[in-house]
Amino acid sequence: MTTSTPTRINARLDESRASKLELLKRSTGLSVSEIVKRGIDVLYDENQAGRGGAFEILERTGFIGSGEGPGDLSERYKEELSAILGAKHGHR
């Protein structure tokens, strides 16, 4: 664990959030600093959970999909690619 100087923050709260903060202080007995720290942790965890792993990201963005083609395409993709390019550009 690295040791660093704590970051000090200054936040402006509207009346509704100031009331919520006061209620949280009274009901939990936590300090404002501890409430802010926990709030950051909760939001961070929610944000990271929504991101998913590499597979989920690729799938969600449409990078991973499905298609149709010959069952042995992975074995002979070069032949197929050559045929497609040959048909498009002529054999050179």
PDB file of N, CA and C in Angstrom:
ATOM      1  N   MET A   1       0.845  -1.175   0.000  1.00  0.00           N
ATOM      2  CA  MET A   1       0.000   0.000   0.000  1.00  0.00           C
ATOM      3  C   MET A   1       0.886   1.231   0.000  1.00  0.00           C
ATOM      4  N   THR A   2       0.604   2.166  -0.875  1.00  0.00           N
ATOM      5  CA  THR A   2       1.408   3.381  -0.934  1.00  0.00           C
ATOM      6  C   THR A   2       0.850   4.411   0.036  1.00  0.00           C
ATOM      7  N   THR A   3       1.743   5.175   0.597  1.00  0.00           N
ATOM      8  CA  THR A   3       1.307   6.245   1.477  1.00  0.00           C
ATOM      9  C   THR A   3       1.408   7.549   0.717  1.00  0.00           C
ATOM     10  N   SER A   4       0.366   8.329   0.794  1.00  0.00           N
ATOM     11  CA  SER A   4       0.361   9.623   0.129  1.00  0.00           C
ATOM     12  C   SER A   4      -0.404  10.608   0.990  1.00  0.00           C
ATOM     13  N   THR A   5      -0.252  11.846   0.654  1.00  0.00           N
ATOM     14  CA  THR A   5      -0.957  12.890   1.379  1.00  0.00           C
ATOM     15  C   THR A   5      -2.438  12.828   1.021  1.00  0.00           C
ATOM     16  N   PRO A   6      -3.314  12.815   2.009  1.00  0.00           N
ATOM     17  CA  PRO A   6      -4.748  12.779   1.704  1.00  0.00           C
ATOM     18  C   PRO A   6      -5.153  13.996   0.871  1.00  0.00           C
ATOM     19  N   THR A   7      -6.110  13.798  -0.025  1.00  0.00           N
ATOM     20  CA  THR A   7      -6.630  14.884  -0.845  1.00  0.00           C
ATOM     21  C   THR A   7      -7.776  15.548  -0.124  1.00  0.00           C
ATOM     22  N   ARG A   8      -7.707  16.831  -0.032  1.00  0.00           N
ATOM     23  CA  ARG A   8      -8.760  17.599   0.624  1.00  0.00           C
ATOM     24  C   ARG A   8      -9.738  18.063  -0.452  1.00  0.00           C
ATOM     25  N   ILE A   9     -11.036  17.954  -0.160  1.00  0.00           N
ATOM     26  CA  ILE A   9     -12.034  18.416  -1.118  1.00  0.00           C
ATOM     27  C   ILE A   9     -12.936  19.459  -0.473  1.00  0.00           C
ATOM     28  N   ASN A  10     -13.502  20.297  -1.328  1.00  0.00           N
ATOM     29  CA  ASN A  10     -14.459  21.308  -0.903  1.00  0.00           C
ATOM     30  C   ASN A  10     -15.640  21.181  -1.845  1.00  0.00           C
ATOM     31  N   ALA A  11     -16.817  20.900  -1.326  1.00  0.00           N
ATOM     32  CA  ALA A  11     -17.975  20.667  -2.192  1.00  0.00           C
ATOM     33  C   ALA A  11     -19.132  21.572  -1.799  1.00  0.00           C
ATOM     34  N   ARG A  12     -19.836  22.049  -2.797  1.00  0.00           N
ATOM     35  CA  ARG A  12     -21.050  22.822  -2.565  1.00  0.00           C
ATOM     36  C   ARG A  12     -22.241  21.879  -2.719  1.00  0.00           C
ATOM     37  N   LEU A  13     -23.096  21.858  -1.711  1.00  0.00           N
ATOM     38  CA  LEU A  13     -24.264  20.988  -1.732  1.00  0.00           C
ATOM     39  C   LEU A  13     -25.532  21.827  -1.758  1.00  0.00           C
ATOM     40  N   ASP A  14     -26.495  21.398  -2.566  1.00  0.00           N
ATOM     41  CA  ASP A  14     -27.786  22.067  -2.527  1.00  0.00           C
ATOM     42  C   ASP A  14     -28.469  21.670  -1.214  1.00  0.00           C
ATOM     43  N   GLU A  15     -29.584  22.303  -0.937  1.00  0.00           N
ATOM     44  CA  GLU A  15     -30.278  22.090   0.336  1.00  0.00           C
ATOM     45  C   GLU A  15     -30.682  20.633   0.546  1.00  0.00           C
ATOM     46  N   SER A  16     -31.149  19.999  -0.521  1.00  0.00           N
ATOM     47  CA  SER A  16     -31.594  18.612  -0.420  1.00  0.00           C
ATOM     48  C   SER A  16     -30.435  17.686  -0.038  1.00  0.00           C
ATOM     49  N   ARG A  17     -29.313  17.842  -0.696  1.00  0.00           N
ATOM     50  CA  ARG A  17     -28.171  16.979  -0.396  1.00  0.00           C
ATOM     51  C   ARG A  17     -27.563  17.311   0.970  1.00  0.00           C
ATOM     52  N   ALA A  18     -27.584  18.568   1.354  1.00  0.00           N
ATOM     53  CA  ALA A  18     -27.085  18.937   2.682  1.00  0.00           C
ATOM     54  C   ALA A  18     -27.939  18.273   3.760  1.00  0.00           C
ATOM     55  N   SER A  19     -29.256  18.225   3.530  1.00  0.00           N
ATOM     56  CA  SER A  19     -30.155  17.564   4.487  1.00  0.00           C
ATOM     57  C   SER A  19     -29.875  16.064   4.542  1.00  0.00           C
ATOM     58  N   LYS A  20     -29.652  15.471   3.370  1.00  0.00           N
ATOM     59  CA  LYS A  20     -29.337  14.038   3.327  1.00  0.00           C
ATOM     60  C   LYS A  20     -28.035  13.750   4.061  1.00  0.00           C
ATOM     61  N   LEU A  21     -27.053  14.617   3.861  1.00  0.00           N
ATOM     62  CA  LEU A  21     -25.766  14.438   4.543  1.00  0.00           C
ATOM     63  C   LEU A  21     -25.945  14.509   6.053  1.00  0.00           C
ATOM     64  N   GLU A  22     -26.694  15.465   6.524  1.00  0.00           N
ATOM     65  CA  GLU A  22     -26.943  15.591   7.968  1.00  0.00           C
ATOM     66  C   GLU A  22     -27.666  14.362   8.506  1.00  0.00           C
ATOM     67  N   LEU A  23     -28.640  13.868   7.757  1.00  0.00           N
ATOM     68  CA  LEU A  23     -29.364  12.676   8.183  1.00  0.00           C
ATOM     69  C   LEU A  23     -28.418  11.485   8.254  1.00  0.00           C
ATOM     70  N   LEU A  24     -27.540  11.348   7.243  1.00  0.00           N
ATOM     71  CA  LEU A  24     -26.572  10.252   7.261  1.00  0.00           C
ATOM     72  C   LEU A  24     -25.613  10.365   8.442  1.00  0.00           C
ATOM     73  N   LYS A  25     -25.166  11.564   8.740  1.00  0.00           N
ATOM     74  CA  LYS A  25     -24.263  11.763   9.889  1.00  0.00           C
ATOM     75  C   LYS A  25     -24.943  11.319  11.181  1.00  0.00           C
ATOM     76  N   ARG A  26     -26.198  11.746  11.362  1.00  0.00           N
ATOM     77  CA  ARG A  26     -26.917  11.406  12.603  1.00  0.00           C
ATOM     78  C   ARG A  26     -27.240   9.916  12.681  1.00  0.00           C
ATOM     79  N   SER A  27     -27.703   9.357  11.572  1.00  0.00           N
ATOM     80  CA  SER A  27     -28.172   7.975  11.635  1.00  0.00           C
ATOM     81  C   SER A  27     -27.047   6.949  11.635  1.00  0.00           C
ATOM     82  N   THR A  28     -25.903   7.311  11.063  1.00  0.00           N
ATOM     83  CA  THR A  28     -24.795   6.348  11.005  1.00  0.00           C
ATOM     84  C   THR A  28     -23.691   6.640  12.015  1.00  0.00           C
ATOM     85  N   GLY A  29     -23.624   7.886  12.471  1.00  0.00           N
ATOM     86  CA  GLY A  29     -22.535   8.269  13.362  1.00  0.00           C
ATOM     87  C   GLY A  29     -21.208   8.454  12.634  1.00  0.00           C
ATOM     88  N   LEU A  30     -21.254   8.453  11.311  1.00  0.00           N
ATOM     89  CA  LEU A  30     -20.036   8.615  10.521  1.00  0.00           C
ATOM     90  C   LEU A  30     -19.712  10.082  10.320  1.00  0.00           C
ATOM     91  N   SER A  31     -18.448  10.352  10.074  1.00  0.00           N
ATOM     92  CA  SER A  31     -18.027  11.718   9.766  1.00  0.00           C
ATOM     93  C   SER A  31     -18.335  12.019   8.302  1.00  0.00           C
ATOM     94  N   VAL A  32     -18.314  13.309   7.965  1.00  0.00           N
ATOM     95  CA  VAL A  32     -18.527  13.705   6.578  1.00  0.00           C
ATOM     96  C   VAL A  32     -17.481  13.040   5.688  1.00  0.00           C
ATOM     97  N   SER A  33     -16.233  13.010   6.141  1.00  0.00           N
ATOM     98  CA  SER A  33     -15.165  12.386   5.352  1.00  0.00           C
ATOM     99  C   SER A  33     -15.455  10.917   5.078  1.00  0.00           C
ATOM    100  N   GLU A  34     -15.911  10.199   6.086  1.00  0.00           N
ATOM    101  CA  GLU A  34     -16.193   8.775   5.911  1.00  0.00           C
ATOM    102  C   GLU A  34     -17.386   8.566   4.982  1.00  0.00           C
ATOM    103  N   ILE A  35     -18.397   9.407   5.085  1.00  0.00           N
ATOM    104  CA  ILE A  35     -19.557   9.307   4.199  1.00  0.00           C
ATOM    105  C   ILE A  35     -19.136   9.551   2.749  1.00  0.00           C
ATOM    106  N   VAL A  36     -18.312  10.558   2.520  1.00  0.00           N
ATOM    107  CA  VAL A  36     -17.837  10.857   1.161  1.00  0.00           C
ATOM    108  C   VAL A  36     -16.992   9.700   0.635  1.00  0.00           C
ATOM    109  N   LYS A  37     -16.096   9.172   1.460  1.00  0.00           N
ATOM    110  CA  LYS A  37     -15.255   8.047   1.039  1.00  0.00           C
ATOM    111  C   LYS A  37     -16.102   6.850   0.639  1.00  0.00           C
ATOM    112  N   ARG A  38     -17.097   6.525   1.459  1.00  0.00           N
ATOM    113  CA  ARG A  38     -17.956   5.380   1.148  1.00  0.00           C
ATOM    114  C   ARG A  38     -18.786   5.631  -0.104  1.00  0.00           C
ATOM    115  N   GLY A  39     -19.256   6.860  -0.257  1.00  0.00           N
ATOM    116  CA  GLY A  39     -20.012   7.208  -1.458  1.00  0.00           C
ATOM    117  C   GLY A  39     -19.165   7.042  -2.713  1.00  0.00           C
ATOM    118  N   ILE A  40     -17.928   7.473  -2.652  1.00  0.00           N
ATOM    119  CA  ILE A  40     -17.013   7.313  -3.787  1.00  0.00           C
ATOM    120  C   ILE A  40     -16.804   5.832  -4.079  1.00  0.00           C
ATOM    121  N   ASP A  41     -16.598   5.038  -3.029  1.00  0.00           N
ATOM    122  CA  ASP A  41     -16.391   3.595  -3.225  1.00  0.00           C
ATOM    123  C   ASP A  41     -17.603   2.937  -3.876  1.00  0.00           C
ATOM    124  N   VAL A  42     -18.802   3.310  -3.442  1.00  0.00           N
ATOM    125  CA  VAL A  42     -20.022   2.724  -4.008  1.00  0.00           C
ATOM    126  C   VAL A  42     -20.151   3.090  -5.480  1.00  0.00           C
ATOM    127  N   LEU A  43     -19.964   4.363  -5.816  1.00  0.00           N
ATOM    128  CA  LEU A  43     -20.073   4.789  -7.210  1.00  0.00           C
ATOM    129  C   LEU A  43     -18.994   4.162  -8.073  1.00  0.00           C
ATOM    130  N   TYR A  44     -17.799   4.048  -7.532  1.00  0.00           N
ATOM    131  CA  TYR A  44     -16.701   3.427  -8.278  1.00  0.00           C
ATOM    132  C   TYR A  44     -17.030   1.967  -8.577  1.00  0.00           C
ATOM    133  N   ASP A  45     -17.500   1.238  -7.566  1.00  0.00           N
ATOM    134  CA  ASP A  45     -17.852  -0.170  -7.754  1.00  0.00           C
ATOM    135  C   ASP A  45     -18.970  -0.336  -8.781  1.00  0.00           C
ATOM    136  N   GLU A  46     -19.989   0.528  -8.722  1.00  0.00           N
ATOM    137  CA  GLU A  46     -21.081   0.470  -9.688  1.00  0.00           C
ATOM    138  C   GLU A  46     -20.556   0.720 -11.095  1.00  0.00           C
ATOM    139  N   ASN A  47     -19.674   1.694 -11.230  1.00  0.00           N
ATOM    140  CA  ASN A  47     -19.113   2.038 -12.532  1.00  0.00           C
ATOM    141  C   ASN A  47     -18.289   0.896 -13.096  1.00  0.00           C
ATOM    142  N   GLN A  48     -17.484   0.281 -12.269  1.00  0.00           N
ATOM    143  CA  GLN A  48     -16.628  -0.805 -12.727  1.00  0.00           C
ATOM    144  C   GLN A  48     -17.431  -2.055 -13.044  1.00  0.00           C
ATOM    145  N   ALA A  49     -18.476  -2.297 -12.284  1.00  0.00           N
ATOM    146  CA  ALA A  49     -19.305  -3.478 -12.522  1.00  0.00           C
ATOM    147  C   ALA A  49     -19.992  -3.390 -13.871  1.00  0.00           C
ATOM    148  N   GLY A  50     -20.363  -2.196 -14.277  1.00  0.00           N
ATOM    149  CA  GLY A  50     -21.018  -2.012 -15.557  1.00  0.00           C
ATOM    150  C   GLY A  50     -20.089  -2.132 -16.742  1.00  0.00           C
ATOM    151  N   ARG A  51     -18.820  -2.074 -16.505  1.00  0.00           N
ATOM    152  CA  ARG A  51     -17.860  -2.103 -17.601  1.00  0.00           C
ATOM    153  C   ARG A  51     -17.626  -3.518 -18.102  1.00  0.00           C
ATOM    154  N   GLY A  52     -17.568  -4.473 -17.221  1.00  0.00           N
ATOM    155  CA  GLY A  52     -17.360  -5.860 -17.611  1.00  0.00           C
ATOM    156  C   GLY A  52     -15.931  -6.135 -18.043  1.00  0.00           C
ATOM    157  N   GLY A  53     -15.697  -7.381 -18.354  1.00  0.00           N
ATOM    158  CA  GLY A  53     -14.389  -7.790 -18.823  1.00  0.00           C
ATOM    159  C   GLY A  53     -14.246  -7.534 -20.312  1.00  0.00           C
ATOM    160  N   ALA A  54     -13.131  -7.935 -20.854  1.00  0.00           N
ATOM    161  CA  ALA A  54     -12.840  -7.696 -22.266  1.00  0.00           C
ATOM    162  C   ALA A  54     -13.914  -8.300 -23.169  1.00  0.00           C
ATOM    163  N   PHE A  55     -14.312  -9.540 -22.895  1.00  0.00           N
ATOM    164  CA  PHE A  55     -15.324 -10.184 -23.732  1.00  0.00           C
ATOM    165  C   PHE A  55     -16.631  -9.403 -23.713  1.00  0.00           C
ATOM    166  N   GLU A  56     -17.085  -9.002 -22.517  1.00  0.00           N
ATOM    167  CA  GLU A  56     -18.343  -8.276 -22.397  1.00  0.00           C
ATOM    168  C   GLU A  56     -18.281  -6.940 -23.131  1.00  0.00           C
ATOM    169  N   ILE A  57     -17.156  -6.259 -23.028  1.00  0.00           N
ATOM    170  CA  ILE A  57     -17.005  -4.966 -23.712  1.00  0.00           C
ATOM    171  C   ILE A  57     -17.058  -5.159 -25.224  1.00  0.00           C
ATOM    172  N   LEU A  58     -16.324  -6.129 -25.729  1.00  0.00           N
ATOM    173  CA  LEU A  58     -16.307  -6.379 -27.168  1.00  0.00           C
ATOM    174  C   LEU A  58     -17.680  -6.802 -27.680  1.00  0.00           C
ATOM    175  N   GLU A  59     -18.357  -7.620 -26.906  1.00  0.00           N
ATOM    176  CA  GLU A  59     -19.685  -8.067 -27.303  1.00  0.00           C
ATOM    177  C   GLU A  59     -20.680  -6.908 -27.278  1.00  0.00           C
ATOM    178  N   ARG A  60     -20.640  -6.098 -26.231  1.00  0.00           N
ATOM    179  CA  ARG A  60     -21.564  -4.976 -26.080  1.00  0.00           C
ATOM    180  C   ARG A  60     -21.370  -3.925 -27.167  1.00  0.00           C
ATOM    181  N   THR A  61     -20.142  -3.706 -27.600  1.00  0.00           N
ATOM    182  CA  THR A  61     -19.863  -2.693 -28.615  1.00  0.00           C
ATOM    183  C   THR A  61     -20.072  -3.205 -30.030  1.00  0.00           C
ATOM    184  N   GLY A  62     -20.428  -4.468 -30.163  1.00  0.00           N
ATOM    185  CA  GLY A  62     -20.680  -5.014 -31.485  1.00  0.00           C
ATOM    186  C   GLY A  62     -19.439  -5.533 -32.180  1.00  0.00           C
ATOM    187  N   PHE A  63     -18.320  -5.528 -31.486  1.00  0.00           N
ATOM    188  CA  PHE A  63     -17.083  -6.021 -32.082  1.00  0.00           C
ATOM    189  C   PHE A  63     -17.142  -7.530 -32.268  1.00  0.00           C
ATOM    190  N   ILE A  64     -17.795  -8.206 -31.340  1.00  0.00           N
ATOM    191  CA  ILE A  64     -17.983  -9.653 -31.438  1.00  0.00           C
ATOM    192  C   ILE A  64     -19.410  -9.886 -31.909  1.00  0.00           C
ATOM    193  N   GLY A  65     -19.548 -10.655 -32.936  1.00  0.00           N
ATOM    194  CA  GLY A  65     -20.878 -10.944 -33.457  1.00  0.00           C
ATOM    195  C   GLY A  65     -20.898 -12.341 -34.020  1.00  0.00           C
ATOM    196  N   SER A  66     -21.866 -12.588 -34.841  1.00  0.00           N
ATOM    197  CA  SER A  66     -21.946 -13.889 -35.483  1.00  0.00           C
ATOM    198  C   SER A  66     -22.200 -13.672 -36.959  1.00  0.00           C
ATOM    199  N   GLY A  67     -21.909 -14.676 -37.716  1.00  0.00           N
ATOM    200  CA  GLY A  67     -22.108 -14.590 -39.148  1.00  0.00           C
ATOM    201  C   GLY A  67     -22.321 -15.974 -39.720  1.00  0.00           C
ATOM    202  N   GLU A  68     -22.461 -16.002 -41.021  1.00  0.00           N
ATOM    203  CA  GLU A  68     -22.672 -17.270 -41.695  1.00  0.00           C
ATOM    204  C   GLU A  68     -21.514 -17.518 -42.646  1.00  0.00           C
ATOM    205  N   GLY A  69     -21.199 -18.759 -42.848  1.00  0.00           N
ATOM    206  CA  GLY A  69     -20.140 -19.123 -43.758  1.00  0.00           C
ATOM    207  C   GLY A  69     -19.853 -20.602 -43.665  1.00  0.00           C
ATOM    208  N   PRO A  70     -18.895 -21.055 -44.447  1.00  0.00           N
ATOM    209  CA  PRO A  70     -18.547 -22.477 -44.416  1.00  0.00           C
ATOM    210  C   PRO A  70     -18.064 -22.901 -43.033  1.00  0.00           C
ATOM    211  N   GLY A  71     -18.374 -24.115 -42.664  1.00  0.00           N
ATOM    212  CA  GLY A  71     -17.980 -24.633 -41.353  1.00  0.00           C
ATOM    213  C   GLY A  71     -16.479 -24.763 -41.184  1.00  0.00           C
ATOM    214  N   ASP A  72     -15.752 -24.888 -42.296  1.00  0.00           N
ATOM    215  CA  ASP A  72     -14.298 -25.050 -42.216  1.00  0.00           C
ATOM    216  C   ASP A  72     -13.552 -23.755 -42.576  1.00  0.00           C
ATOM    217  N   LEU A  73     -14.245 -22.631 -42.450  1.00  0.00           N
ATOM    218  CA  LEU A  73     -13.653 -21.355 -42.845  1.00  0.00           C
ATOM    219  C   LEU A  73     -12.371 -21.037 -42.087  1.00  0.00           C
ATOM    220  N   SER A  74     -12.298 -21.404 -40.838  1.00  0.00           N
ATOM    221  CA  SER A  74     -11.089 -21.108 -40.066  1.00  0.00           C
ATOM    222  C   SER A  74      -9.876 -21.861 -40.602  1.00  0.00           C
ATOM    223  N   GLU A  75     -10.124 -22.964 -41.293  1.00  0.00           N
ATOM    224  CA  GLU A  75      -9.023 -23.763 -41.837  1.00  0.00           C
ATOM    225  C   GLU A  75      -8.614 -23.310 -43.239  1.00  0.00           C
ATOM    226  N   ARG A  76      -9.566 -22.728 -43.971  1.00  0.00           N
ATOM    227  CA  ARG A  76      -9.241 -22.368 -45.353  1.00  0.00           C
ATOM    228  C   ARG A  76      -9.623 -20.931 -45.692  1.00  0.00           C
ATOM    229  N   TYR A  77      -9.506 -20.038 -44.688  1.00  0.00           N
ATOM    230  CA  TYR A  77      -9.878 -18.649 -44.905  1.00  0.00           C
ATOM    231  C   TYR A  77      -9.036 -17.967 -45.981  1.00  0.00           C
ATOM    232  N   LYS A  78      -7.766 -18.384 -46.139  1.00  0.00           N
ATOM    233  CA  LYS A  78      -6.910 -17.759 -47.156  1.00  0.00           C
ATOM    234  C   LYS A  78      -7.439 -18.033 -48.561  1.00  0.00           C
ATOM    235  N   GLU A  79      -7.915 -19.239 -48.783  1.00  0.00           N
ATOM    236  CA  GLU A  79      -8.500 -19.573 -50.087  1.00  0.00           C
ATOM    237  C   GLU A  79      -9.728 -18.716 -50.364  1.00  0.00           C
ATOM    238  N   GLU A  80     -10.584 -18.601 -49.362  1.00  0.00           N
ATOM    239  CA  GLU A  80     -11.808 -17.809 -49.512  1.00  0.00           C
ATOM    240  C   GLU A  80     -11.469 -16.334 -49.769  1.00  0.00           C
ATOM    241  N   LEU A  81     -10.524 -15.801 -48.996  1.00  0.00           N
ATOM    242  CA  LEU A  81     -10.129 -14.408 -49.148  1.00  0.00           C
ATOM    243  C   LEU A  81      -9.532 -14.166 -50.534  1.00  0.00           C
ATOM    244  N   SER A  82      -8.698 -15.078 -50.997  1.00  0.00           N
ATOM    245  CA  SER A  82      -8.108 -14.950 -52.336  1.00  0.00           C
ATOM    246  C   SER A  82      -9.193 -14.953 -53.405  1.00  0.00           C
ATOM    247  N   ALA A  83     -10.175 -15.822 -53.252  1.00  0.00           N
ATOM    248  CA  ALA A  83     -11.263 -15.900 -54.231  1.00  0.00           C
ATOM    249  C   ALA A  83     -12.069 -14.605 -54.243  1.00  0.00           C
ATOM    250  N   ILE A  84     -12.372 -14.064 -53.080  1.00  0.00           N
ATOM    251  CA  ILE A  84     -13.155 -12.823 -52.991  1.00  0.00           C
ATOM    252  C   ILE A  84     -12.370 -11.664 -53.599  1.00  0.00           C
ATOM    253  N   LEU A  85     -11.105 -11.535 -53.221  1.00  0.00           N
ATOM    254  CA  LEU A  85     -10.276 -10.452 -53.759  1.00  0.00           C
ATOM    255  C   LEU A  85     -10.048 -10.617 -55.252  1.00  0.00           C
ATOM    256  N   GLY A  86      -9.877 -11.867 -55.705  1.00  0.00           N
ATOM    257  CA  GLY A  86      -9.721 -12.124 -57.126  1.00  0.00           C
ATOM    258  C   GLY A  86     -10.944 -11.710 -57.911  1.00  0.00           C
ATOM    259  N   ALA A  87     -12.106 -11.998 -57.371  1.00  0.00           N
ATOM    260  CA  ALA A  87     -13.350 -11.629 -58.042  1.00  0.00           C
ATOM    261  C   ALA A  87     -13.530 -10.116 -58.079  1.00  0.00           C
ATOM    262  N   LYS A  88     -13.068  -9.442 -57.065  1.00  0.00           N
ATOM    263  CA  LYS A  88     -13.230  -8.000 -56.983  1.00  0.00           C
ATOM    264  C   LYS A  88     -12.205  -7.274 -57.842  1.00  0.00           C
ATOM    265  N   HIS A  89     -10.942  -7.681 -57.769  1.00  0.00           N
ATOM    266  CA  HIS A  89      -9.853  -6.955 -58.413  1.00  0.00           C
ATOM    267  C   HIS A  89      -9.226  -7.679 -59.593  1.00  0.00           C
ATOM    268  N   GLY A  90      -9.666  -8.880 -59.855  1.00  0.00           N
ATOM    269  CA  GLY A  90      -9.043  -9.673 -60.920  1.00  0.00           C
ATOM    270  C   GLY A  90      -7.766 -10.301 -60.412  1.00  0.00           C
ATOM    271  N   HIS A  91      -7.386 -11.375 -60.960  1.00  0.00           N
ATOM    272  CA  HIS A  91      -6.170 -12.067 -60.513  1.00  0.00           C
ATOM    273  C   HIS A  91      -4.964 -11.337 -61.066  1.00  0.00           C
ATOM    274  N   ARG A  92      -4.037 -10.991 -60.212  1.00  0.00           N
ATOM    275  CA  ARG A  92      -2.846 -10.238 -60.634  1.00  0.00           C
ATOM    276  C   ARG A  92      -1.636 -11.097 -60.589  1.00  0.00           C
TER     277      ARG A  92
END
